[in-house]
Amino acid sequence: MHQRKAEMARQSQAFIALPGGYGTMEELLEMITWCQLGIHDKPVGLLNVDGYYDPLLALFEKGAAEGFISTDCSQIFVSAPTASELLTKMEQYTRVHQEVAPATSWEISELGYGRGGDAGAATPPAAAAGGAEEGKGGS
């Protein structure tokens, strides 16, 4: 699974999580973490259809309120209830967080990245985290 996620990250311009199960959430959280660590600087979006991700967003807010998630790291991702609104937010995404560790201390070469997630080649359209291979978007 790690190799699949690394390849998805290398070839993507952005990450979009659709409503899904454990696999989708694991992929989402890893892409958020990789952004925090400086492995990539690509937008991460949650398509929050019918408030599906509201409990997760509340958990993130609680983590920030209690000091476990820094204020700037709580802005690593964007969310919206519709695809068009989410795409607009992702197009406007500007990185505001500081990296928590230098990217060179992580598996950058394995992921095929240069500094900041630039693979040095043209990248295909954005990949969605979860959904396609899992049928209904869950796992």
C-alpha atoms as a PDB file:
ATOM      1  CA  MET A   1       0.000   0.000   0.000  1.00  0.00           C
ATOM      2  CA  HIS A   2       2.877   2.383   0.778  1.00  0.00           C
ATOM      3  CA  GLN A   3       4.312   2.028  -2.743  1.00  0.00           C
ATOM      4  CA  ARG A   4       0.885   2.713  -4.283  1.00  0.00           C
ATOM      5  CA  LYS A   5       0.472   5.862  -2.174  1.00  0.00           C
ATOM      6  CA  ALA A   6       4.004   7.003  -2.977  1.00  0.00           C
ATOM      7  CA  GLU A   7       3.332   6.619  -6.705  1.00  0.00           C
ATOM      8  CA  MET A   8      -0.031   8.382  -6.366  1.00  0.00           C
ATOM      9  CA  ALA A   9       1.724  11.233  -4.563  1.00  0.00           C
ATOM     10  CA  ARG A  10       4.518  11.438  -7.114  1.00  0.00           C
ATOM     11  CA  GLN A  11       2.179  11.642 -10.104  1.00  0.00           C
ATOM     12  CA  SER A  12      -0.499  13.889  -8.604  1.00  0.00           C
ATOM     13  CA  GLN A  13      -0.958  17.630  -8.703  1.00  0.00           C
ATOM     14  CA  ALA A  14      -3.391  17.529  -5.762  1.00  0.00           C
ATOM     15  CA  PHE A  15      -5.271  15.096  -3.529  1.00  0.00           C
ATOM     16  CA  ILE A  16      -9.038  14.864  -3.104  1.00  0.00           C
ATOM     17  CA  ALA A  17     -10.646  12.595  -0.522  1.00  0.00           C
ATOM     18  CA  LEU A  18     -14.188  11.501  -1.293  1.00  0.00           C
ATOM     19  CA  PRO A  19     -16.379  10.032   1.443  1.00  0.00           C
ATOM     20  CA  GLY A  20     -14.974   6.597   2.196  1.00  0.00           C
ATOM     21  CA  GLY A  21     -13.820   4.126   4.785  1.00  0.00           C
ATOM     22  CA  TYR A  22     -10.631   3.323   6.663  1.00  0.00           C
ATOM     23  CA  GLY A  23      -8.425   3.110   3.558  1.00  0.00           C
ATOM     24  CA  THR A  24      -9.590   6.484   2.286  1.00  0.00           C
ATOM     25  CA  MET A  25      -9.053   8.103   5.683  1.00  0.00           C
ATOM     26  CA  GLU A  26      -5.612   6.516   6.047  1.00  0.00           C
ATOM     27  CA  GLU A  27      -4.589   7.858   2.631  1.00  0.00           C
ATOM     28  CA  LEU A  28      -6.015  11.290   3.458  1.00  0.00           C
ATOM     29  CA  LEU A  29      -4.168  11.525   6.767  1.00  0.00           C
ATOM     30  CA  GLU A  30      -0.922  10.366   5.184  1.00  0.00           C
ATOM     31  CA  MET A  31      -1.146  13.054   2.481  1.00  0.00           C
ATOM     32  CA  ILE A  32      -1.820  15.678   5.189  1.00  0.00           C
ATOM     33  CA  THR A  33       1.133  14.363   7.208  1.00  0.00           C
ATOM     34  CA  TRP A  34       3.437  14.311   4.176  1.00  0.00           C
ATOM     35  CA  CYS A  35       2.535  17.944   3.526  1.00  0.00           C
ATOM     36  CA  GLN A  36       3.277  18.791   7.162  1.00  0.00           C
ATOM     37  CA  LEU A  37       6.647  17.028   6.875  1.00  0.00           C
ATOM     38  CA  GLY A  38       7.535  18.825   3.642  1.00  0.00           C
ATOM     39  CA  ILE A  39       7.419  15.717   1.449  1.00  0.00           C
ATOM     40  CA  HIS A  40       4.956  17.499  -0.863  1.00  0.00           C
ATOM     41  CA  ASP A  41       3.326  20.917  -1.030  1.00  0.00           C
ATOM     42  CA  LYS A  42       0.255  19.970  -3.065  1.00  0.00           C
ATOM     43  CA  PRO A  43      -3.298  20.910  -2.095  1.00  0.00           C
ATOM     44  CA  VAL A  44      -5.299  18.367  -0.105  1.00  0.00           C
ATOM     45  CA  GLY A  45      -9.090  18.572  -0.302  1.00  0.00           C
ATOM     46  CA  LEU A  46     -11.989  16.874   1.453  1.00  0.00           C
ATOM     47  CA  LEU A  47     -15.233  16.597  -0.487  1.00  0.00           C
ATOM     48  CA  ASN A  48     -17.529  16.917   2.519  1.00  0.00           C
ATOM     49  CA  VAL A  49     -20.754  15.639   0.927  1.00  0.00           C
ATOM     50  CA  ASP A  50     -23.730  15.959   3.289  1.00  0.00           C
ATOM     51  CA  GLY A  51     -21.342  16.726   6.165  1.00  0.00           C
ATOM     52  CA  TYR A  52     -19.667  13.306   5.932  1.00  0.00           C
ATOM     53  CA  TYR A  53     -16.341  14.657   7.192  1.00  0.00           C
ATOM     54  CA  ASP A  54     -17.838  16.942   9.886  1.00  0.00           C
ATOM     55  CA  PRO A  55     -16.808  14.606  12.762  1.00  0.00           C
ATOM     56  CA  LEU A  56     -13.241  14.383  11.407  1.00  0.00           C
ATOM     57  CA  LEU A  57     -13.078  18.163  10.962  1.00  0.00           C
ATOM     58  CA  ALA A  58     -14.329  18.572  14.551  1.00  0.00           C
ATOM     59  CA  LEU A  59     -11.566  16.215  15.720  1.00  0.00           C
ATOM     60  CA  PHE A  60      -8.971  18.318  13.872  1.00  0.00           C
ATOM     61  CA  GLU A  61     -10.401  21.491  15.474  1.00  0.00           C
ATOM     62  CA  LYS A  62     -10.220  19.862  18.915  1.00  0.00           C
ATOM     63  CA  GLY A  63      -6.615  18.846  18.276  1.00  0.00           C
ATOM     64  CA  ALA A  64      -5.771  22.436  17.324  1.00  0.00           C
ATOM     65  CA  ALA A  65      -7.665  23.883  20.312  1.00  0.00           C
ATOM     66  CA  GLU A  66      -5.750  21.595  22.677  1.00  0.00           C
ATOM     67  CA  GLY A  67      -2.381  22.382  21.094  1.00  0.00           C
ATOM     68  CA  PHE A  68      -1.753  19.076  19.328  1.00  0.00           C
ATOM     69  CA  ILE A  69      -2.133  20.617  15.853  1.00  0.00           C
ATOM     70  CA  SER A  70      -0.565  24.007  15.195  1.00  0.00           C
ATOM     71  CA  THR A  71      -2.793  26.758  13.830  1.00  0.00           C
ATOM     72  CA  ASP A  72      -0.915  26.931  10.541  1.00  0.00           C
ATOM     73  CA  CYS A  73      -0.896  23.120  10.133  1.00  0.00           C
ATOM     74  CA  SER A  74      -4.665  23.095  10.578  1.00  0.00           C
ATOM     75  CA  GLN A  75      -4.759  24.910   7.221  1.00  0.00           C
ATOM     76  CA  ILE A  76      -2.937  22.185   5.270  1.00  0.00           C
ATOM     77  CA  PHE A  77      -6.214  20.977   3.740  1.00  0.00           C
ATOM     78  CA  VAL A  78      -9.413  22.555   2.464  1.00  0.00           C
ATOM     79  CA  SER A  79     -12.944  21.171   2.515  1.00  0.00           C
ATOM     80  CA  ALA A  80     -16.193  21.974   0.788  1.00  0.00           C
ATOM     81  CA  PRO A  81     -19.613  20.358   0.317  1.00  0.00           C
ATOM     82  CA  THR A  82     -19.547  20.494  -3.504  1.00  0.00           C
ATOM     83  CA  ALA A  83     -16.952  19.564  -6.101  1.00  0.00           C
ATOM     84  CA  SER A  84     -17.002  22.996  -7.748  1.00  0.00           C
ATOM     85  CA  GLU A  85     -16.481  24.812  -4.438  1.00  0.00           C
ATOM     86  CA  LEU A  86     -13.722  22.384  -3.460  1.00  0.00           C
ATOM     87  CA  LEU A  87     -11.882  22.854  -6.766  1.00  0.00           C
ATOM     88  CA  THR A  88     -12.088  26.638  -6.374  1.00  0.00           C
ATOM     89  CA  LYS A  89     -10.617  26.421  -2.864  1.00  0.00           C
ATOM     90  CA  MET A  90      -7.884  24.071  -4.062  1.00  0.00           C
ATOM     91  CA  GLU A  91      -6.954  26.402  -6.924  1.00  0.00           C
ATOM     92  CA  GLN A  92      -6.636  29.237  -4.379  1.00  0.00           C
ATOM     93  CA  TYR A  93      -4.632  27.130  -1.896  1.00  0.00           C
ATOM     94  CA  THR A  94      -1.483  28.789  -0.622  1.00  0.00           C
ATOM     95  CA  ARG A  95       0.839  27.003   1.736  1.00  0.00           C
ATOM     96  CA  VAL A  96       0.966  28.786   5.099  1.00  0.00           C
ATOM     97  CA  HIS A  97       2.384  26.119   7.415  1.00  0.00           C
ATOM     98  CA  GLN A  98       5.963  25.512   8.414  1.00  0.00           C
ATOM     99  CA  GLU A  99       7.480  22.071   7.929  1.00  0.00           C
ATOM    100  CA  VAL A 100       7.942  20.149  11.163  1.00  0.00           C
ATOM    101  CA  ALA A 101      11.018  18.286   9.890  1.00  0.00           C
ATOM    102  CA  PRO A 102      13.431  18.833   7.016  1.00  0.00           C
ATOM    103  CA  ALA A 103      12.299  16.874   3.969  1.00  0.00           C
ATOM    104  CA  THR A 104      15.769  15.398   3.514  1.00  0.00           C
ATOM    105  CA  SER A 105      15.312  13.394   6.703  1.00  0.00           C
ATOM    106  CA  TRP A 106      12.489  11.383   5.139  1.00  0.00           C
ATOM    107  CA  GLU A 107      12.216   8.878   2.289  1.00  0.00           C
ATOM    108  CA  ILE A 108      12.296  11.576  -0.396  1.00  0.00           C
ATOM    109  CA  SER A 109      14.368   9.635  -2.922  1.00  0.00           C
ATOM    110  CA  GLU A 110      12.058   6.616  -2.594  1.00  0.00           C
ATOM    111  CA  LEU A 111       9.085   8.847  -3.388  1.00  0.00           C
ATOM    112  CA  GLY A 112      10.802  10.323  -6.443  1.00  0.00           C
ATOM    113  CA  TYR A 113      10.660  13.885  -5.127  1.00  0.00           C
ATOM    114  CA  GLY A 114      12.985  16.811  -5.130  1.00  0.00           C
ATOM    115  CA  ARG A 115      12.539  19.459  -2.428  1.00  0.00           C
ATOM    116  CA  GLY A 116       8.887  20.447  -1.880  1.00  0.00           C
ATOM    117  CA  GLY A 117       7.408  17.557  -3.843  1.00  0.00           C
ATOM    118  CA  ASP A 118       8.641  18.524  -7.322  1.00  0.00           C
ATOM    119  CA  ALA A 119       9.333  15.306  -9.191  1.00  0.00           C
ATOM    120  CA  GLY A 120      11.072  17.306 -11.904  1.00  0.00           C
ATOM    121  CA  ALA A 121       8.731  16.190 -14.670  1.00  0.00           C
ATOM    122  CA  ALA A 122       5.294  17.001 -15.968  1.00  0.00           C
ATOM    123  CA  THR A 123       2.644  15.530 -13.730  1.00  0.00           C
ATOM    124  CA  PRO A 124      -0.670  14.046 -14.820  1.00  0.00           C
ATOM    125  CA  PRO A 125      -4.037  15.315 -13.522  1.00  0.00           C
ATOM    126  CA  ALA A 126      -4.821  15.121  -9.819  1.00  0.00           C
ATOM    127  CA  ALA A 127      -5.475  11.755  -8.229  1.00  0.00           C
ATOM    128  CA  ALA A 128      -8.275  11.198  -5.761  1.00  0.00           C
ATOM    129  CA  ALA A 129      -7.485   9.563  -2.436  1.00  0.00           C
ATOM    130  CA  GLY A 130      -9.619   6.450  -2.293  1.00  0.00           C
ATOM    131  CA  GLY A 131     -12.788   5.863  -4.212  1.00  0.00           C
ATOM    132  CA  ALA A 132     -11.847   4.471  -7.626  1.00  0.00           C
ATOM    133  CA  GLU A 133     -10.292   1.173  -6.629  1.00  0.00           C
ATOM    134  CA  GLU A 134     -12.651   0.693  -3.729  1.00  0.00           C
ATOM    135  CA  GLY A 135     -15.950   0.675  -5.567  1.00  0.00           C
ATOM    136  CA  LYS A 136     -18.199   3.012  -3.615  1.00  0.00           C
ATOM    137  CA  GLY A 137     -15.350   5.121  -2.265  1.00  0.00           C
ATOM    138  CA  GLY A 138     -15.038   3.203   0.972  1.00  0.00           C
ATOM    139  CA  SER A 139     -12.773   0.579   2.362  1.00  0.00           C
END
